[in-house]
């Protein structure tokens, strides 16, 4: 059954994958991962009709492609955020430039940045410590980073 399934659908899945991502290597990886998922779900897969198997393969491949694009977008966002805040990683905020930039923030904003990026507390931990919702903490940190980014651009 598996050899026939592979023979029947590999080329069609590969073509659809390449249409979705425009990269042969990525499409081949996703098609391979699709067949691995089918093998992992053999007990369910064997009870399906031929048309249901085909539909399952295409739906699974589409979901895998979407997962890869989401993951890539999150990784890009994370990398960008790390780049934007890399200067905060200096121990103790001791450079003169950093001290001048931080002076453009309120005492509360400075404290939140220090606790988050120097001490390593998460937004949830800060929320619990300060009795403020975690979303508010994240919002204040985001606003502070924007202020600092703007100040950096003006230098």
N, C-alpha and C. Protein backbone atom coordinates (compact mmCIF):
# COMPACT_ATOMS: atom_id res chain seq x y z
N UNK A 1 0.82 -1.20 0.00
CA UNK A 1 0.00 0.00 0.00
C UNK A 1 0.87 1.27 0.00
N UNK A 2 1.92 1.31 0.82
CA UNK A 2 2.71 2.53 0.96
C UNK A 2 3.49 2.86 -0.31
N UNK A 3 4.05 1.81 -0.96
CA UNK A 3 4.78 2.05 -2.20
C UNK A 3 3.85 2.60 -3.28
N UNK A 4 2.66 2.03 -3.36
CA UNK A 4 1.69 2.49 -4.36
C UNK A 4 1.24 3.92 -4.06
N UNK A 5 1.00 4.20 -2.79
CA UNK A 5 0.60 5.53 -2.38
C UNK A 5 1.67 6.55 -2.76
N UNK A 6 2.92 6.21 -2.51
CA UNK A 6 4.05 7.08 -2.85
C UNK A 6 4.13 7.28 -4.35
N UNK A 7 4.05 6.18 -5.09
CA UNK A 7 4.14 6.24 -6.55
C UNK A 7 3.01 7.09 -7.14
N UNK A 8 1.80 6.94 -6.60
CA UNK A 8 0.64 7.65 -7.13
C UNK A 8 0.67 9.15 -6.84
N UNK A 9 1.17 9.53 -5.68
CA UNK A 9 0.97 10.91 -5.24
C UNK A 9 2.23 11.76 -5.09
N UNK A 10 3.41 11.15 -5.16
CA UNK A 10 4.63 11.92 -4.91
C UNK A 10 4.77 13.09 -5.87
N UNK A 11 4.70 12.85 -7.16
CA UNK A 11 4.91 13.91 -8.15
C UNK A 11 3.87 15.02 -8.02
N UNK A 12 2.63 14.63 -7.82
CA UNK A 12 1.56 15.62 -7.67
C UNK A 12 1.75 16.46 -6.41
N UNK A 13 2.13 15.81 -5.30
CA UNK A 13 2.40 16.54 -4.06
C UNK A 13 3.59 17.48 -4.24
N UNK A 14 4.63 17.00 -4.91
CA UNK A 14 5.81 17.82 -5.13
C UNK A 14 5.47 19.05 -5.98
N UNK A 15 4.69 18.86 -7.02
CA UNK A 15 4.29 19.99 -7.87
C UNK A 15 3.47 21.00 -7.08
N UNK A 16 2.54 20.51 -6.28
CA UNK A 16 1.72 21.41 -5.46
C UNK A 16 2.59 22.11 -4.41
N UNK A 17 3.52 21.40 -3.84
CA UNK A 17 4.42 22.00 -2.86
C UNK A 17 5.29 23.08 -3.47
N UNK A 18 5.80 22.83 -4.66
CA UNK A 18 6.63 23.83 -5.34
C UNK A 18 5.80 25.05 -5.73
N UNK A 19 4.55 24.84 -6.06
CA UNK A 19 3.67 25.96 -6.38
C UNK A 19 3.44 26.81 -5.13
N UNK A 20 3.44 26.17 -3.96
CA UNK A 20 3.19 26.88 -2.72
C UNK A 20 4.39 27.59 -2.14
N UNK A 21 5.61 27.06 -2.42
CA UNK A 21 6.79 27.66 -1.78
C UNK A 21 7.88 28.10 -2.75
N UNK A 22 7.81 27.66 -4.00
CA UNK A 22 8.76 28.07 -5.05
C UNK A 22 10.19 27.63 -4.78
N UNK A 23 10.39 26.65 -3.91
CA UNK A 23 11.72 26.12 -3.63
C UNK A 23 11.65 24.60 -3.66
N UNK A 24 12.36 24.00 -4.60
CA UNK A 24 12.27 22.55 -4.77
C UNK A 24 12.70 21.80 -3.50
N UNK A 25 13.81 22.23 -2.89
CA UNK A 25 14.31 21.53 -1.71
C UNK A 25 13.29 21.56 -0.57
N UNK A 26 12.70 22.71 -0.35
CA UNK A 26 11.69 22.84 0.71
C UNK A 26 10.47 21.97 0.37
N UNK A 27 10.05 22.00 -0.88
CA UNK A 27 8.91 21.19 -1.30
C UNK A 27 9.21 19.70 -1.10
N UNK A 28 10.41 19.27 -1.47
CA UNK A 28 10.78 17.86 -1.27
C UNK A 28 10.76 17.49 0.21
N UNK A 29 11.29 18.38 1.06
CA UNK A 29 11.29 18.12 2.50
C UNK A 29 9.87 17.99 3.04
N UNK A 30 8.99 18.89 2.60
CA UNK A 30 7.62 18.87 3.09
C UNK A 30 6.87 17.63 2.60
N UNK A 31 7.11 17.23 1.36
CA UNK A 31 6.47 16.00 0.84
C UNK A 31 6.97 14.80 1.63
N UNK A 32 8.27 14.75 1.88
CA UNK A 32 8.81 13.64 2.67
C UNK A 32 8.19 13.63 4.07
N UNK A 33 8.10 14.79 4.68
CA UNK A 33 7.50 14.89 6.01
C UNK A 33 6.03 14.47 5.98
N UNK A 34 5.35 14.76 4.89
CA UNK A 34 3.95 14.36 4.73
C UNK A 34 3.81 12.84 4.75
N UNK A 35 4.68 12.16 4.01
CA UNK A 35 4.63 10.70 4.00
C UNK A 35 5.03 10.11 5.36
N UNK A 36 5.95 10.75 6.05
CA UNK A 36 6.31 10.31 7.40
C UNK A 36 5.10 10.42 8.33
N UNK A 37 4.38 11.54 8.22
CA UNK A 37 3.15 11.72 9.03
C UNK A 37 2.13 10.63 8.70
N UNK A 38 2.03 10.28 7.42
CA UNK A 38 1.10 9.22 7.03
C UNK A 38 1.49 7.90 7.69
N UNK A 39 2.79 7.60 7.68
CA UNK A 39 3.25 6.37 8.33
C UNK A 39 3.01 6.40 9.83
N UNK A 40 3.18 7.56 10.43
CA UNK A 40 2.95 7.69 11.87
C UNK A 40 1.48 7.52 12.22
N UNK A 41 0.61 7.79 11.27
CA UNK A 41 -0.84 7.66 11.48
C UNK A 41 -1.40 6.48 10.69
N UNK A 42 -0.63 5.44 10.55
CA UNK A 42 -1.01 4.29 9.73
C UNK A 42 -2.33 3.68 10.16
N UNK A 43 -2.59 3.61 11.45
CA UNK A 43 -3.83 2.99 11.92
C UNK A 43 -5.06 3.73 11.42
N UNK A 44 -5.00 5.04 11.37
CA UNK A 44 -6.10 5.85 10.85
C UNK A 44 -6.09 5.82 9.33
N UNK A 45 -4.90 5.93 8.77
CA UNK A 45 -4.72 6.08 7.34
C UNK A 45 -5.22 4.86 6.57
N UNK A 46 -5.02 3.68 7.10
CA UNK A 46 -5.40 2.46 6.41
C UNK A 46 -6.92 2.30 6.29
N UNK A 47 -7.67 2.96 7.15
CA UNK A 47 -9.13 2.87 7.10
C UNK A 47 -9.76 3.84 6.10
N UNK A 48 -8.97 4.69 5.48
CA UNK A 48 -9.49 5.69 4.55
C UNK A 48 -9.60 5.12 3.14
N UNK A 49 -10.51 5.68 2.38
CA UNK A 49 -10.62 5.30 0.97
C UNK A 49 -9.49 5.97 0.20
N UNK A 50 -9.32 5.61 -1.06
CA UNK A 50 -8.24 6.17 -1.88
C UNK A 50 -8.37 7.68 -2.00
N UNK A 51 -9.57 8.18 -2.21
CA UNK A 51 -9.75 9.64 -2.34
C UNK A 51 -9.53 10.35 -1.01
N UNK A 52 -9.91 9.70 0.08
CA UNK A 52 -9.68 10.29 1.40
C UNK A 52 -8.19 10.32 1.73
N UNK A 53 -7.45 9.29 1.32
CA UNK A 53 -6.00 9.27 1.54
C UNK A 53 -5.34 10.42 0.79
N UNK A 54 -5.75 10.59 -0.47
CA UNK A 54 -5.20 11.68 -1.28
C UNK A 54 -5.49 13.02 -0.62
N UNK A 55 -6.73 13.23 -0.19
CA UNK A 55 -7.11 14.48 0.46
C UNK A 55 -6.31 14.67 1.76
N UNK A 56 -6.11 13.60 2.51
CA UNK A 56 -5.37 13.67 3.76
C UNK A 56 -3.93 14.11 3.48
N UNK A 57 -3.32 13.52 2.46
CA UNK A 57 -1.94 13.87 2.10
C UNK A 57 -1.82 15.34 1.72
N UNK A 58 -2.74 15.83 0.89
CA UNK A 58 -2.66 17.22 0.46
C UNK A 58 -2.94 18.19 1.61
N UNK A 59 -3.89 17.87 2.44
CA UNK A 59 -4.20 18.73 3.59
C UNK A 59 -3.02 18.76 4.56
N UNK A 60 -2.42 17.61 4.80
CA UNK A 60 -1.27 17.53 5.70
C UNK A 60 -0.09 18.32 5.14
N UNK A 61 0.15 18.19 3.84
CA UNK A 61 1.25 18.94 3.23
C UNK A 61 1.00 20.44 3.34
N UNK A 62 -0.22 20.86 3.09
CA UNK A 62 -0.56 22.29 3.20
C UNK A 62 -0.32 22.78 4.63
N UNK A 63 -0.75 21.99 5.61
CA UNK A 63 -0.55 22.38 7.00
C UNK A 63 0.93 22.44 7.36
N UNK A 64 1.71 21.51 6.85
CA UNK A 64 3.15 21.52 7.13
C UNK A 64 3.81 22.75 6.51
N UNK A 65 3.41 23.11 5.30
CA UNK A 65 3.95 24.32 4.67
C UNK A 65 3.58 25.57 5.48
N UNK A 66 2.33 25.63 5.91
CA UNK A 66 1.89 26.77 6.73
C UNK A 66 2.69 26.85 8.03
N UNK A 67 2.92 25.70 8.65
CA UNK A 67 3.70 25.66 9.89
C UNK A 67 5.12 26.18 9.66
N UNK A 68 5.71 25.79 8.55
CA UNK A 68 7.07 26.25 8.25
C UNK A 68 7.11 27.76 8.02
N UNK A 69 6.11 28.30 7.32
CA UNK A 69 6.08 29.74 7.09
C UNK A 69 5.85 30.50 8.39
N UNK A 70 4.97 29.98 9.24
CA UNK A 70 4.74 30.62 10.55
C UNK A 70 6.02 30.60 11.37
N UNK A 71 6.68 29.46 11.40
CA UNK A 71 7.91 29.33 12.17
C UNK A 71 8.97 30.29 11.65
N UNK A 72 9.10 30.38 10.34
CA UNK A 72 10.09 31.29 9.75
C UNK A 72 9.76 32.74 10.09
N UNK A 73 8.48 33.11 10.05
CA UNK A 73 8.09 34.47 10.40
C UNK A 73 8.39 34.77 11.87
N UNK A 74 8.10 33.81 12.74
CA UNK A 74 8.40 34.00 14.16
C UNK A 74 9.90 34.11 14.41
N UNK A 75 10.68 33.29 13.72
CA UNK A 75 12.13 33.36 13.87
C UNK A 75 12.66 34.70 13.38
N UNK A 76 12.12 35.20 12.28
CA UNK A 76 12.54 36.49 11.76
C UNK A 76 12.17 37.60 12.74
N UNK A 77 10.96 37.54 13.29
CA UNK A 77 10.53 38.54 14.26
C UNK A 77 11.42 38.50 15.51
N UNK A 78 11.72 37.30 15.99
CA UNK A 78 12.57 37.15 17.17
C UNK A 78 13.96 37.71 16.89
N UNK A 79 14.53 37.39 15.73
CA UNK A 79 15.85 37.89 15.37
C UNK A 79 15.85 39.41 15.30
N UNK A 80 14.79 39.98 14.71
CA UNK A 80 14.69 41.43 14.62
C UNK A 80 14.60 42.05 16.00
N UNK A 81 13.80 41.48 16.89
CA UNK A 81 13.66 42.00 18.25
C UNK A 81 14.98 41.91 18.99
N UNK A 82 15.71 40.81 18.79
CA UNK A 82 17.00 40.66 19.46
C UNK A 82 17.99 41.69 18.95
N UNK A 83 17.95 41.98 17.67
CA UNK A 83 18.84 42.97 17.10
C UNK A 83 18.51 44.37 17.63
N UNK A 84 17.22 44.66 17.71
CA UNK A 84 16.80 45.98 18.18
C UNK A 84 17.16 46.22 19.63
N UNK A 85 17.20 45.18 20.43
CA UNK A 85 17.45 45.34 21.87
C UNK A 85 18.83 44.83 22.27
N UNK A 86 19.70 44.53 21.31
CA UNK A 86 21.01 43.96 21.64
C UNK A 86 21.82 44.88 22.52
N UNK A 87 21.71 46.17 22.33
CA UNK A 87 22.51 47.09 23.14
C UNK A 87 22.12 47.04 24.61
N UNK A 88 20.90 46.61 24.91
CA UNK A 88 20.45 46.53 26.30
C UNK A 88 21.16 45.39 27.02
N UNK A 89 21.72 44.45 26.28
CA UNK A 89 22.35 43.29 26.88
C UNK A 89 23.66 43.61 27.61
N UNK A 90 24.17 44.82 27.45
CA UNK A 90 25.42 45.16 28.12
C UNK A 90 25.21 45.14 29.63
N UNK A 91 26.11 44.52 30.37
CA UNK A 91 25.95 44.41 31.82
C UNK A 91 25.84 45.77 32.49
N UNK A 92 24.79 45.95 33.27
CA UNK A 92 24.66 47.12 34.12
C UNK A 92 24.33 48.43 33.43
N UNK A 93 24.05 48.44 32.16
CA UNK A 93 23.76 49.70 31.44
C UNK A 93 24.85 50.74 31.72
N UNK A 94 26.12 50.34 31.67
CA UNK A 94 27.18 51.23 32.14
C UNK A 94 27.71 52.18 31.09
N UNK A 95 27.39 51.98 29.83
CA UNK A 95 27.96 52.90 28.85
C UNK A 95 27.26 54.25 28.92
N UNK A 96 27.98 55.27 28.62
CA UNK A 96 27.45 56.63 28.66
C UNK A 96 26.29 56.79 27.67
N UNK A 97 26.46 56.21 26.48
CA UNK A 97 25.40 56.31 25.47
C UNK A 97 24.11 55.69 25.98
N UNK A 98 24.22 54.53 26.59
CA UNK A 98 23.03 53.86 27.10
C UNK A 98 22.38 54.68 28.22
N UNK A 99 23.20 55.25 29.09
CA UNK A 99 22.67 56.06 30.18
C UNK A 99 21.92 57.27 29.64
N UNK A 100 22.46 57.88 28.60
CA UNK A 100 21.78 59.03 28.00
C UNK A 100 20.47 58.62 27.35
N UNK A 101 20.48 57.49 26.67
CA UNK A 101 19.25 57.00 26.05
C UNK A 101 18.20 56.66 27.11
N UNK A 102 18.63 56.00 28.16
CA UNK A 102 17.70 55.61 29.21
C UNK A 102 17.12 56.83 29.92
N UNK A 103 17.84 57.93 29.93
CA UNK A 103 17.36 59.14 30.59
C UNK A 103 16.12 59.69 29.88
N UNK A 104 15.91 59.28 28.64
CA UNK A 104 14.72 59.75 27.91
C UNK A 104 13.46 59.00 28.35
N UNK A 105 13.62 57.99 29.20
CA UNK A 105 12.48 57.21 29.69
C UNK A 105 12.13 57.59 31.12
N UNK A 106 10.90 57.30 31.50
CA UNK A 106 10.49 57.53 32.88
C UNK A 106 11.19 56.52 33.79
N UNK A 107 11.15 56.78 35.07
CA UNK A 107 11.78 55.88 36.04
C UNK A 107 11.14 54.49 35.96
N UNK A 108 9.82 54.43 35.79
CA UNK A 108 9.12 53.16 35.70
C UNK A 108 9.57 52.39 34.46
N UNK A 109 9.68 53.09 33.32
CA UNK A 109 10.10 52.44 32.09
C UNK A 109 11.53 51.92 32.21
N UNK A 110 12.40 52.70 32.84
CA UNK A 110 13.77 52.27 33.05
C UNK A 110 13.81 51.01 33.92
N UNK A 111 13.00 51.02 34.99
CA UNK A 111 12.95 49.89 35.91
C UNK A 111 12.48 48.64 35.18
N UNK A 112 11.41 48.76 34.38
CA UNK A 112 10.88 47.61 33.65
C UNK A 112 11.92 47.05 32.67
N UNK A 113 12.59 47.92 31.93
CA UNK A 113 13.62 47.47 31.00
C UNK A 113 14.75 46.76 31.74
N UNK A 114 15.17 47.33 32.86
CA UNK A 114 16.24 46.71 33.62
C UNK A 114 15.83 45.34 34.15
N UNK A 115 14.63 45.27 34.72
CA UNK A 115 14.17 43.99 35.26
C UNK A 115 14.00 42.94 34.15
N UNK A 116 13.50 43.38 33.01
CA UNK A 116 13.24 42.45 31.91
C UNK A 116 14.53 42.01 31.23
N UNK A 117 15.38 42.97 30.84
CA UNK A 117 16.51 42.63 29.99
C UNK A 117 17.82 42.44 30.75
N UNK A 118 17.95 43.04 31.90
CA UNK A 118 19.17 42.84 32.67
C UNK A 118 19.00 41.71 33.68
N UNK A 119 17.87 41.71 34.37
CA UNK A 119 17.63 40.69 35.38
C UNK A 119 17.01 39.42 34.80
N UNK A 120 16.38 39.54 33.63
CA UNK A 120 15.85 38.36 32.95
C UNK A 120 14.45 37.93 33.35
N UNK A 121 13.71 38.79 34.04
CA UNK A 121 12.34 38.43 34.41
C UNK A 121 11.46 38.43 33.17
N UNK A 122 10.48 37.54 33.14
CA UNK A 122 9.52 37.51 32.04
C UNK A 122 8.41 38.52 32.33
N UNK A 123 7.60 38.80 31.33
CA UNK A 123 6.48 39.72 31.52
C UNK A 123 5.51 39.17 32.56
N UNK A 124 5.31 37.86 32.56
CA UNK A 124 4.40 37.24 33.53
C UNK A 124 4.95 37.40 34.96
N UNK A 125 6.25 37.21 35.11
CA UNK A 125 6.85 37.38 36.44
C UNK A 125 6.78 38.83 36.91
N UNK A 126 7.04 39.75 35.99
CA UNK A 126 6.94 41.17 36.34
C UNK A 126 5.51 41.54 36.70
N UNK A 127 4.56 40.99 35.98
CA UNK A 127 3.16 41.27 36.26
C UNK A 127 2.80 40.81 37.67
N UNK A 128 3.27 39.65 38.03
CA UNK A 128 2.98 39.13 39.37
C UNK A 128 3.67 39.99 40.43
N UNK A 129 4.90 40.39 40.18
CA UNK A 129 5.65 41.19 41.14
C UNK A 129 5.01 42.56 41.36
N UNK A 130 4.56 43.17 40.26
CA UNK A 130 4.09 44.55 40.31
C UNK A 130 2.58 44.67 40.39
N UNK A 131 1.86 43.56 40.26
CA UNK A 131 0.41 43.60 40.33
C UNK A 131 -0.22 44.29 39.13
N UNK A 132 0.42 44.17 37.98
CA UNK A 132 -0.05 44.76 36.73
C UNK A 132 -0.26 43.61 35.75
N UNK A 133 -1.27 43.67 34.89
CA UNK A 133 -1.45 42.60 33.90
C UNK A 133 -0.22 42.43 33.00
N UNK A 134 0.06 41.20 32.62
CA UNK A 134 1.23 40.92 31.77
C UNK A 134 1.14 41.66 30.45
N UNK A 135 -0.06 41.80 29.90
CA UNK A 135 -0.23 42.54 28.64
C UNK A 135 0.18 43.99 28.79
N UNK A 136 -0.09 44.57 29.94
CA UNK A 136 0.30 45.96 30.20
C UNK A 136 1.83 46.06 30.27
N UNK A 137 2.45 45.08 30.90
CA UNK A 137 3.91 45.05 30.99
C UNK A 137 4.50 45.00 29.58
N UNK A 138 3.99 44.07 28.77
CA UNK A 138 4.50 43.94 27.40
C UNK A 138 4.28 45.23 26.61
N UNK A 139 3.15 45.86 26.81
CA UNK A 139 2.85 47.11 26.11
C UNK A 139 3.83 48.20 26.52
N UNK A 140 4.08 48.32 27.82
CA UNK A 140 5.02 49.34 28.30
C UNK A 140 6.44 49.07 27.80
N UNK A 141 6.83 47.80 27.78
CA UNK A 141 8.16 47.47 27.27
C UNK A 141 8.27 47.78 25.78
N UNK A 142 7.22 47.48 25.05
CA UNK A 142 7.22 47.77 23.62
C UNK A 142 7.31 49.27 23.36
N UNK A 143 6.54 50.03 24.12
CA UNK A 143 6.57 51.48 23.96
C UNK A 143 7.96 52.03 24.32
N UNK A 144 8.55 51.51 25.36
CA UNK A 144 9.89 51.95 25.76
C UNK A 144 10.91 51.64 24.68
N UNK A 145 10.82 50.45 24.09
CA UNK A 145 11.75 50.09 23.02
C UNK A 145 11.58 51.02 21.82
N UNK A 146 10.34 51.38 21.51
CA UNK A 146 10.10 52.29 20.39
C UNK A 146 10.70 53.67 20.67
N UNK A 147 10.54 54.14 21.90
CA UNK A 147 11.12 55.43 22.28
C UNK A 147 12.64 55.38 22.12
N UNK A 148 13.24 54.31 22.60
CA UNK A 148 14.69 54.17 22.53
C UNK A 148 15.16 54.02 21.09
N UNK A 149 14.40 53.28 20.30
CA UNK A 149 14.75 53.13 18.88
C UNK A 149 14.73 54.47 18.17
N UNK A 150 13.69 55.25 18.45
CA UNK A 150 13.60 56.58 17.85
C UNK A 150 14.77 57.46 18.30
N UNK A 151 15.12 57.38 19.58
CA UNK A 151 16.23 58.17 20.08
C UNK A 151 17.54 57.73 19.43
N UNK A 152 17.70 56.45 19.19
CA UNK A 152 18.91 55.94 18.52
C UNK A 152 19.00 56.45 17.09
N UNK A 153 17.86 56.51 16.42
CA UNK A 153 17.84 56.97 15.03
C UNK A 153 18.21 58.44 14.94
N UNK A 154 17.93 59.20 15.99
CA UNK A 154 18.23 60.64 15.99
C UNK A 154 19.69 60.93 16.29
N UNK A 155 20.38 59.94 16.81
CA UNK A 155 21.80 60.15 17.17
C UNK A 155 22.66 60.11 15.94
